[in-house]
Amino acid sequence: MEQIQIDTFDELIEFLRANDLTPSEVNEIIRLSLKAFYILDHTKDEMIEGLIDYWDKWKHTNERPPFIGLDLDV
């Protein structure tokens, strides 16, 4: 199996967009790389857009919420 090295967030987004991945595979890659994940079902494109929003909001801190796209402020 070929290993791929992803060093930046932009490379991660590029990899997710360029490869034919299931939402489950996208979620696993996000979980392994950022220690965050989706708990609700989304399409691959929705997951990527949500991940970009998540990163824009939380990239400056090490203490990020573990759940992406989950609004607990109800």
PDB file of N, CA and C in Angstrom:
ATOM      1  N   MET A   1       0.843  -1.186   0.000  1.00  0.00           N
ATOM      2  CA  MET A   1       0.000   0.000   0.000  1.00  0.00           C
ATOM      3  C   MET A   1       0.884   1.244   0.000  1.00  0.00           C
ATOM      4  N   GLU A   2       0.541   2.172  -0.839  1.00  0.00           N
ATOM      5  CA  GLU A   2       1.305   3.408  -0.965  1.00  0.00           C
ATOM      6  C   GLU A   2       0.987   4.351   0.185  1.00  0.00           C
ATOM      7  N   GLN A   3       2.026   4.946   0.750  1.00  0.00           N
ATOM      8  CA  GLN A   3       1.834   5.943   1.789  1.00  0.00           C
ATOM      9  C   GLN A   3       1.860   7.323   1.167  1.00  0.00           C
ATOM     10  N   ILE A   4       1.028   8.184   1.707  1.00  0.00           N
ATOM     11  CA  ILE A   4       0.956   9.562   1.249  1.00  0.00           C
ATOM     12  C   ILE A   4       1.223  10.451   2.450  1.00  0.00           C
ATOM     13  N   GLN A   5       2.071  11.432   2.263  1.00  0.00           N
ATOM     14  CA  GLN A   5       2.363  12.370   3.342  1.00  0.00           C
ATOM     15  C   GLN A   5       1.646  13.679   3.060  1.00  0.00           C
ATOM     16  N   ILE A   6       0.869  14.106   4.023  1.00  0.00           N
ATOM     17  CA  ILE A   6       0.141  15.376   3.943  1.00  0.00           C
ATOM     18  C   ILE A   6       0.673  16.257   5.057  1.00  0.00           C
ATOM     19  N   ASP A   7       1.231  17.411   4.687  1.00  0.00           N
ATOM     20  CA  ASP A   7       1.878  18.263   5.672  1.00  0.00           C
ATOM     21  C   ASP A   7       1.099  19.516   6.047  1.00  0.00           C
ATOM     22  N   THR A   8       0.149  19.916   5.212  1.00  0.00           N
ATOM     23  CA  THR A   8      -0.580  21.147   5.494  1.00  0.00           C
ATOM     24  C   THR A   8      -2.085  20.903   5.357  1.00  0.00           C
ATOM     25  N   PHE A   9      -2.846  21.822   5.908  1.00  0.00           N
ATOM     26  CA  PHE A   9      -4.294  21.729   5.786  1.00  0.00           C
ATOM     27  C   PHE A   9      -4.716  21.808   4.326  1.00  0.00           C
ATOM     28  N   ASP A  10      -4.083  22.672   3.558  1.00  0.00           N
ATOM     29  CA  ASP A  10      -4.412  22.795   2.133  1.00  0.00           C
ATOM     30  C   ASP A  10      -4.153  21.484   1.391  1.00  0.00           C
ATOM     31  N   GLU A  11      -3.075  20.801   1.730  1.00  0.00           N
ATOM     32  CA  GLU A  11      -2.801  19.492   1.124  1.00  0.00           C
ATOM     33  C   GLU A  11      -3.868  18.472   1.510  1.00  0.00           C
ATOM     34  N   LEU A  12      -4.340  18.549   2.743  1.00  0.00           N
ATOM     35  CA  LEU A  12      -5.400  17.649   3.193  1.00  0.00           C
ATOM     36  C   LEU A  12      -6.668  17.875   2.369  1.00  0.00           C
ATOM     37  N   ILE A  13      -7.068  19.121   2.217  1.00  0.00           N
ATOM     38  CA  ILE A  13      -8.263  19.442   1.435  1.00  0.00           C
ATOM     39  C   ILE A  13      -8.083  18.996  -0.013  1.00  0.00           C
ATOM     40  N   GLU A  14      -6.926  19.244  -0.582  1.00  0.00           N
ATOM     41  CA  GLU A  14      -6.650  18.836  -1.964  1.00  0.00           C
ATOM     42  C   GLU A  14      -6.761  17.311  -2.104  1.00  0.00           C
ATOM     43  N   PHE A  15      -6.211  16.578  -1.149  1.00  0.00           N
ATOM     44  CA  PHE A  15      -6.280  15.122  -1.182  1.00  0.00           C
ATOM     45  C   PHE A  15      -7.724  14.635  -1.090  1.00  0.00           C
ATOM     46  N   LEU A  16      -8.492  15.205  -0.175  1.00  0.00           N
ATOM     47  CA  LEU A  16      -9.882  14.786  -0.009  1.00  0.00           C
ATOM     48  C   LEU A  16     -10.691  15.064  -1.275  1.00  0.00           C
ATOM     49  N   ARG A  17     -10.460  16.186  -1.906  1.00  0.00           N
ATOM     50  CA  ARG A  17     -11.198  16.540  -3.121  1.00  0.00           C
ATOM     51  C   ARG A  17     -10.783  15.675  -4.312  1.00  0.00           C
ATOM     52  N   ALA A  18      -9.503  15.342  -4.410  1.00  0.00           N
ATOM     53  CA  ALA A  18      -8.970  14.678  -5.595  1.00  0.00           C
ATOM     54  C   ALA A  18      -9.216  13.173  -5.628  1.00  0.00           C
ATOM     55  N   ASN A  19      -9.548  12.591  -4.502  1.00  0.00           N
ATOM     56  CA  ASN A  19      -9.689  11.142  -4.444  1.00  0.00           C
ATOM     57  C   ASN A  19     -11.141  10.721  -4.288  1.00  0.00           C
ATOM     58  N   ASP A  20     -11.442   9.574  -4.850  1.00  0.00           N
ATOM     59  CA  ASP A  20     -12.785   9.013  -4.787  1.00  0.00           C
ATOM     60  C   ASP A  20     -12.947   8.304  -3.439  1.00  0.00           C
ATOM     61  N   LEU A  21     -13.380   9.060  -2.445  1.00  0.00           N
ATOM     62  CA  LEU A  21     -13.506   8.557  -1.081  1.00  0.00           C
ATOM     63  C   LEU A  21     -14.961   8.560  -0.646  1.00  0.00           C
ATOM     64  N   THR A  22     -15.314   7.588   0.169  1.00  0.00           N
ATOM     65  CA  THR A  22     -16.645   7.576   0.756  1.00  0.00           C
ATOM     66  C   THR A  22     -16.663   8.546   1.936  1.00  0.00           C
ATOM     67  N   PRO A  23     -17.841   8.990   2.360  1.00  0.00           N
ATOM     68  CA  PRO A  23     -17.898   9.836   3.562  1.00  0.00           C
ATOM     69  C   PRO A  23     -17.250   9.170   4.774  1.00  0.00           C
ATOM     70  N   SER A  24     -17.382   7.868   4.880  1.00  0.00           N
ATOM     71  CA  SER A  24     -16.758   7.153   5.993  1.00  0.00           C
ATOM     72  C   SER A  24     -15.229   7.248   5.921  1.00  0.00           C
ATOM     73  N   GLU A  25     -14.676   7.126   4.730  1.00  0.00           N
ATOM     74  CA  GLU A  25     -13.234   7.252   4.561  1.00  0.00           C
ATOM     75  C   GLU A  25     -12.768   8.679   4.842  1.00  0.00           C
ATOM     76  N   VAL A  26     -13.529   9.656   4.389  1.00  0.00           N
ATOM     77  CA  VAL A  26     -13.200  11.057   4.663  1.00  0.00           C
ATOM     78  C   VAL A  26     -13.183  11.296   6.164  1.00  0.00           C
ATOM     79  N   ASN A  27     -14.187  10.788   6.857  1.00  0.00           N
ATOM     80  CA  ASN A  27     -14.280  10.963   8.303  1.00  0.00           C
ATOM     81  C   ASN A  27     -13.081  10.318   9.009  1.00  0.00           C
ATOM     82  N   GLU A  28     -12.666   9.151   8.551  1.00  0.00           N
ATOM     83  CA  GLU A  28     -11.531   8.462   9.165  1.00  0.00           C
ATOM     84  C   GLU A  28     -10.237   9.235   8.944  1.00  0.00           C
ATOM     85  N   ILE A  29     -10.040   9.783   7.768  1.00  0.00           N
ATOM     86  CA  ILE A  29      -8.843  10.583   7.489  1.00  0.00           C
ATOM     87  C   ILE A  29      -8.833  11.836   8.359  1.00  0.00           C
ATOM     88  N   ILE A  30      -9.970  12.488   8.494  1.00  0.00           N
ATOM     89  CA  ILE A  30     -10.066  13.678   9.353  1.00  0.00           C
ATOM     90  C   ILE A  30      -9.788  13.300  10.800  1.00  0.00           C
ATOM     91  N   ARG A  31     -10.362  12.194  11.238  1.00  0.00           N
ATOM     92  CA  ARG A  31     -10.162  11.747  12.622  1.00  0.00           C
ATOM     93  C   ARG A  31      -8.687  11.491  12.907  1.00  0.00           C
ATOM     94  N   LEU A  32      -8.025  10.818  11.991  1.00  0.00           N
ATOM     95  CA  LEU A  32      -6.614  10.497  12.200  1.00  0.00           C
ATOM     96  C   LEU A  32      -5.706  11.713  12.095  1.00  0.00           C
ATOM     97  N   SER A  33      -6.043  12.650  11.238  1.00  0.00           N
ATOM     98  CA  SER A  33      -5.161  13.795  11.036  1.00  0.00           C
ATOM     99  C   SER A  33      -5.418  14.945  11.997  1.00  0.00           C
ATOM    100  N   LEU A  34      -6.662  15.189  12.349  1.00  0.00           N
ATOM    101  CA  LEU A  34      -6.993  16.355  13.178  1.00  0.00           C
ATOM    102  C   LEU A  34      -7.594  16.001  14.540  1.00  0.00           C
ATOM    103  N   LYS A  35      -7.794  14.729  14.779  1.00  0.00           N
ATOM    104  CA  LYS A  35      -8.420  14.275  16.043  1.00  0.00           C
ATOM    105  C   LYS A  35      -9.809  14.882  16.219  1.00  0.00           C
ATOM    106  N   ALA A  36     -10.511  15.014  15.113  1.00  0.00           N
ATOM    107  CA  ALA A  36     -11.882  15.528  15.102  1.00  0.00           C
ATOM    108  C   ALA A  36     -12.665  14.702  14.090  1.00  0.00           C
ATOM    109  N   PHE A  37     -13.987  14.697  14.221  1.00  0.00           N
ATOM    110  CA  PHE A  37     -14.773  13.887  13.302  1.00  0.00           C
ATOM    111  C   PHE A  37     -16.222  14.339  13.275  1.00  0.00           C
ATOM    112  N   TYR A  38     -16.926  13.820  12.290  1.00  0.00           N
ATOM    113  CA  TYR A  38     -18.362  14.052  12.151  1.00  0.00           C
ATOM    114  C   TYR A  38     -19.119  12.947  12.864  1.00  0.00           C
ATOM    115  N   ILE A  39     -20.204  13.299  13.554  1.00  0.00           N
ATOM    116  CA  ILE A  39     -21.057  12.276  14.148  1.00  0.00           C
ATOM    117  C   ILE A  39     -22.387  12.176  13.409  1.00  0.00           C
ATOM    118  N   LEU A  40     -22.655  13.139  12.530  1.00  0.00           N
ATOM    119  CA  LEU A  40     -23.874  13.115  11.724  1.00  0.00           C
ATOM    120  C   LEU A  40     -23.507  12.798  10.279  1.00  0.00           C
ATOM    121  N   ASP A  41     -24.443  12.252   9.531  1.00  0.00           N
ATOM    122  CA  ASP A  41     -24.198  11.903   8.136  1.00  0.00           C
ATOM    123  C   ASP A  41     -24.158  13.143   7.253  1.00  0.00           C
ATOM    124  N   HIS A  42     -23.171  13.184   6.370  1.00  0.00           N
ATOM    125  CA  HIS A  42     -22.994  14.261   5.399  1.00  0.00           C
ATOM    126  C   HIS A  42     -22.413  13.664   4.122  1.00  0.00           C
ATOM    127  N   THR A  43     -22.577  14.378   3.020  1.00  0.00           N
ATOM    128  CA  THR A  43     -21.911  13.984   1.789  1.00  0.00           C
ATOM    129  C   THR A  43     -20.433  14.378   1.894  1.00  0.00           C
ATOM    130  N   LYS A  44     -19.641  13.837   1.012  1.00  0.00           N
ATOM    131  CA  LYS A  44     -18.211  14.168   0.987  1.00  0.00           C
ATOM    132  C   LYS A  44     -18.007  15.669   0.826  1.00  0.00           C
ATOM    133  N   ASP A  45     -18.726  16.283  -0.112  1.00  0.00           N
ATOM    134  CA  ASP A  45     -18.573  17.726  -0.337  1.00  0.00           C
ATOM    135  C   ASP A  45     -18.993  18.539   0.877  1.00  0.00           C
ATOM    136  N   GLU A  46     -20.073  18.144   1.536  1.00  0.00           N
ATOM    137  CA  GLU A  46     -20.508  18.835   2.755  1.00  0.00           C
ATOM    138  C   GLU A  46     -19.451  18.703   3.849  1.00  0.00           C
ATOM    139  N   MET A  47     -18.836  17.534   3.929  1.00  0.00           N
ATOM    140  CA  MET A  47     -17.808  17.309   4.943  1.00  0.00           C
ATOM    141  C   MET A  47     -16.594  18.196   4.697  1.00  0.00           C
ATOM    142  N   ILE A  48     -16.196  18.319   3.442  1.00  0.00           N
ATOM    143  CA  ILE A  48     -15.033  19.144   3.123  1.00  0.00           C
ATOM    144  C   ILE A  48     -15.324  20.607   3.430  1.00  0.00           C
ATOM    145  N   GLU A  49     -16.488  21.098   3.040  1.00  0.00           N
ATOM    146  CA  GLU A  49     -16.844  22.497   3.324  1.00  0.00           C
ATOM    147  C   GLU A  49     -16.947  22.743   4.827  1.00  0.00           C
ATOM    148  N   GLY A  50     -17.534  21.805   5.560  1.00  0.00           N
ATOM    149  CA  GLY A  50     -17.616  21.930   7.013  1.00  0.00           C
ATOM    150  C   GLY A  50     -16.246  21.896   7.664  1.00  0.00           C
ATOM    151  N   LEU A  51     -15.357  21.078   7.120  1.00  0.00           N
ATOM    152  CA  LEU A  51     -13.994  21.001   7.637  1.00  0.00           C
ATOM    153  C   LEU A  51     -13.255  22.316   7.430  1.00  0.00           C
ATOM    154  N   ILE A  52     -13.447  22.939   6.292  1.00  0.00           N
ATOM    155  CA  ILE A  52     -12.822  24.246   6.028  1.00  0.00           C
ATOM    156  C   ILE A  52     -13.340  25.284   7.022  1.00  0.00           C
ATOM    157  N   ASP A  53     -14.645  25.315   7.268  1.00  0.00           N
ATOM    158  CA  ASP A  53     -15.217  26.243   8.256  1.00  0.00           C
ATOM    159  C   ASP A  53     -14.657  25.967   9.652  1.00  0.00           C
ATOM    160  N   TYR A  54     -14.602  24.691  10.015  1.00  0.00           N
ATOM    161  CA  TYR A  54     -14.064  24.273  11.317  1.00  0.00           C
ATOM    162  C   TYR A  54     -12.620  24.759  11.466  1.00  0.00           C
ATOM    163  N   TRP A  55     -11.798  24.529  10.440  1.00  0.00           N
ATOM    164  CA  TRP A  55     -10.389  24.902  10.496  1.00  0.00           C
ATOM    165  C   TRP A  55     -10.221  26.414  10.574  1.00  0.00           C
ATOM    166  N   ASP A  56     -11.010  27.148   9.800  1.00  0.00           N
ATOM    167  CA  ASP A  56     -10.928  28.611   9.850  1.00  0.00           C
ATOM    168  C   ASP A  56     -11.218  29.127  11.252  1.00  0.00           C
ATOM    169  N   LYS A  57     -12.130  28.479  11.936  1.00  0.00           N
ATOM    170  CA  LYS A  57     -12.521  28.925  13.283  1.00  0.00           C
ATOM    171  C   LYS A  57     -11.536  28.461  14.365  1.00  0.00           C
ATOM    172  N   TRP A  58     -10.969  27.260  14.248  1.00  0.00           N
ATOM    173  CA  TRP A  58     -10.220  26.658  15.343  1.00  0.00           C
ATOM    174  C   TRP A  58      -8.735  26.430  15.081  1.00  0.00           C
ATOM    175  N   LYS A  59      -8.210  26.793  13.920  1.00  0.00           N
ATOM    176  CA  LYS A  59      -6.829  26.453  13.590  1.00  0.00           C
ATOM    177  C   LYS A  59      -5.795  27.094  14.509  1.00  0.00           C
ATOM    178  N   HIS A  60      -6.147  28.133  15.191  1.00  0.00           N
ATOM    179  CA  HIS A  60      -5.190  28.865  16.014  1.00  0.00           C
ATOM    180  C   HIS A  60      -5.068  28.333  17.436  1.00  0.00           C
ATOM    181  N   THR A  61      -5.750  27.243  17.729  1.00  0.00           N
ATOM    182  CA  THR A  61      -5.692  26.697  19.077  1.00  0.00           C
ATOM    183  C   THR A  61      -5.500  25.191  19.034  1.00  0.00           C
ATOM    184  N   ASN A  62      -4.879  24.654  20.059  1.00  0.00           N
ATOM    185  CA  ASN A  62      -4.722  23.202  20.167  1.00  0.00           C
ATOM    186  C   ASN A  62      -5.936  22.545  20.808  1.00  0.00           C
ATOM    187  N   GLU A  63      -6.738  23.320  21.507  1.00  0.00           N
ATOM    188  CA  GLU A  63      -7.920  22.788  22.177  1.00  0.00           C
ATOM    189  C   GLU A  63      -9.140  23.030  21.302  1.00  0.00           C
ATOM    190  N   ARG A  64      -9.313  22.135  20.331  1.00  0.00           N
ATOM    191  CA  ARG A  64     -10.421  22.232  19.382  1.00  0.00           C
ATOM    192  C   ARG A  64     -11.528  21.282  19.793  1.00  0.00           C
ATOM    193  N   PRO A  65     -12.770  21.613  19.442  1.00  0.00           N
ATOM    194  CA  PRO A  65     -13.858  20.673  19.711  1.00  0.00           C
ATOM    195  C   PRO A  65     -13.659  19.411  18.867  1.00  0.00           C
ATOM    196  N   PRO A  66     -14.012  18.254  19.405  1.00  0.00           N
ATOM    197  CA  PRO A  66     -13.800  17.013  18.661  1.00  0.00           C
ATOM    198  C   PRO A  66     -14.829  16.769  17.559  1.00  0.00           C
ATOM    199  N   PHE A  67     -15.966  17.447  17.621  1.00  0.00           N
ATOM    200  CA  PHE A  67     -17.033  17.200  16.657  1.00  0.00           C
ATOM    201  C   PHE A  67     -17.117  18.337  15.641  1.00  0.00           C
ATOM    202  N   ILE A  68     -17.119  17.985  14.373  1.00  0.00           N
ATOM    203  CA  ILE A  68     -17.203  18.971  13.297  1.00  0.00           C
ATOM    204  C   ILE A  68     -18.660  19.100  12.872  1.00  0.00           C
ATOM    205  N   GLY A  69     -19.104  20.338  12.685  1.00  0.00           N
ATOM    206  CA  GLY A  69     -20.435  20.567  12.170  1.00  0.00           C
ATOM    207  C   GLY A  69     -21.549  20.348  13.164  1.00  0.00           C
ATOM    208  N   LEU A  70     -21.218  20.271  14.430  1.00  0.00           N
ATOM    209  CA  LEU A  70     -22.215  20.066  15.467  1.00  0.00           C
ATOM    210  C   LEU A  70     -22.356  21.352  16.275  1.00  0.00           C
ATOM    211  N   ASP A  71     -23.483  21.978  16.169  1.00  0.00           N
ATOM    212  CA  ASP A  71     -23.722  23.239  16.882  1.00  0.00           C
ATOM    213  C   ASP A  71     -24.418  22.935  18.201  1.00  0.00           C
ATOM    214  N   LEU A  72     -23.692  23.100  19.286  1.00  0.00           N
ATOM    215  CA  LEU A  72     -24.242  22.825  20.601  1.00  0.00           C
ATOM    216  C   LEU A  72     -24.834  24.069  21.252  1.00  0.00           C
ATOM    217  N   ASP A  73     -24.756  25.192  20.558  1.00  0.00           N
ATOM    218  CA  ASP A  73     -25.349  26.434  21.065  1.00  0.00           C
ATOM    219  C   ASP A  73     -26.788  26.548  20.610  1.00  0.00           C
ATOM    220  N   VAL A  74     -27.673  25.784  21.227  1.00  0.00           N
ATOM    221  CA  VAL A  74     -29.094  25.817  20.841  1.00  0.00           C
ATOM    222  C   VAL A  74     -29.902  26.631  21.810  1.00  0.00           C
TER     223      VAL A  74
END
